[in-house]
Structures are given as structure tokens and as C-alpha cells.
Amino acid sequence: MPIVVDVSVMACWHFDQERNDRADAILLRLRNDEAAVPALWWFEMRNVLLQGERRNRTTPQQTRAFLDFLRQIPISVTPLPDENAVMELARRHRLSFYDAAYLELARRENLPLATFDRDLIGAAGAEGVLLV
């Protein structure tokens, strides 16, 4: 069964300081499953990597290698959602529109959500979305 994976998890696969067993377990799960992500993920992931470069946490070469690594993972970028549904979730749970997009995808497709974002974890619980 596919799982929705947000950037808070994927960033742990790249930044050594954030690496943890839970993130590694989710990566291991993707050997047999697929990650589903909202379309904004493409931009958000690259922005996190660029910010890491600017803060001297990574190099452009490491960024390129990580993007190559991500291309090997079965990641399905989903079509744009109903903006009203995302906006309502963001308002109801005081989430960023970006975080609400992951929640909306998990709720709409009835998929578990993998995140380390505390606000998103709380909102998922309130919406009945299973967490990985």
C-alpha cells in the first residue's frame, strides 16, 4: 500500500544530523511500497536542499547525489488537489497550506502519512488519518 511521505521525513535521509531509525524504517518500507506526494513536494524538497547548502549543511555535489537517489525511489507525484479541501484543512488545524496538502492527499486517498511535523501529526489524528 502506498504511503504519503512528507519532506520532514525525506530530509532525514539526506542530512546526517537528522538521520534517525524511524526515517530509515520508512525508507526501507519503500523497497516494497510507493511514496505518494503532492505536486508541491518537487519544489519543497529542492528548497530544503538549497537551504541546507546555504547553511553549509550540505554541498551542491551532495544535493545532486541525493536528487539522483530520490529518483531511484518509487515516488508518485499526484495531480493537484481540490484547493478548497486543502484550504479548509489548513484553516481547521492551523497548518501551512503546504502541510495541509500532504494531509489532504492522505485523507483523500485513504493512505497512511509519514511525517515528523508535530502539528501535522496532531491534525492527522484529528482527521482519522493513520500515521506510519
Foldseek 3Di string as FASTA:
>chain_A
DEAAEALQLLVLVQQVVNPDPVSVVVVVVQVPHAYEYEQCRVVVNVVVVVVCVVVVRDHPVSVVVSVVVVVVGRYHHDYHDDQVQLVVLCVVLVHDSRLSRSLVVCLVVVHAYEHPDPSSVVSCVVSVHHHD
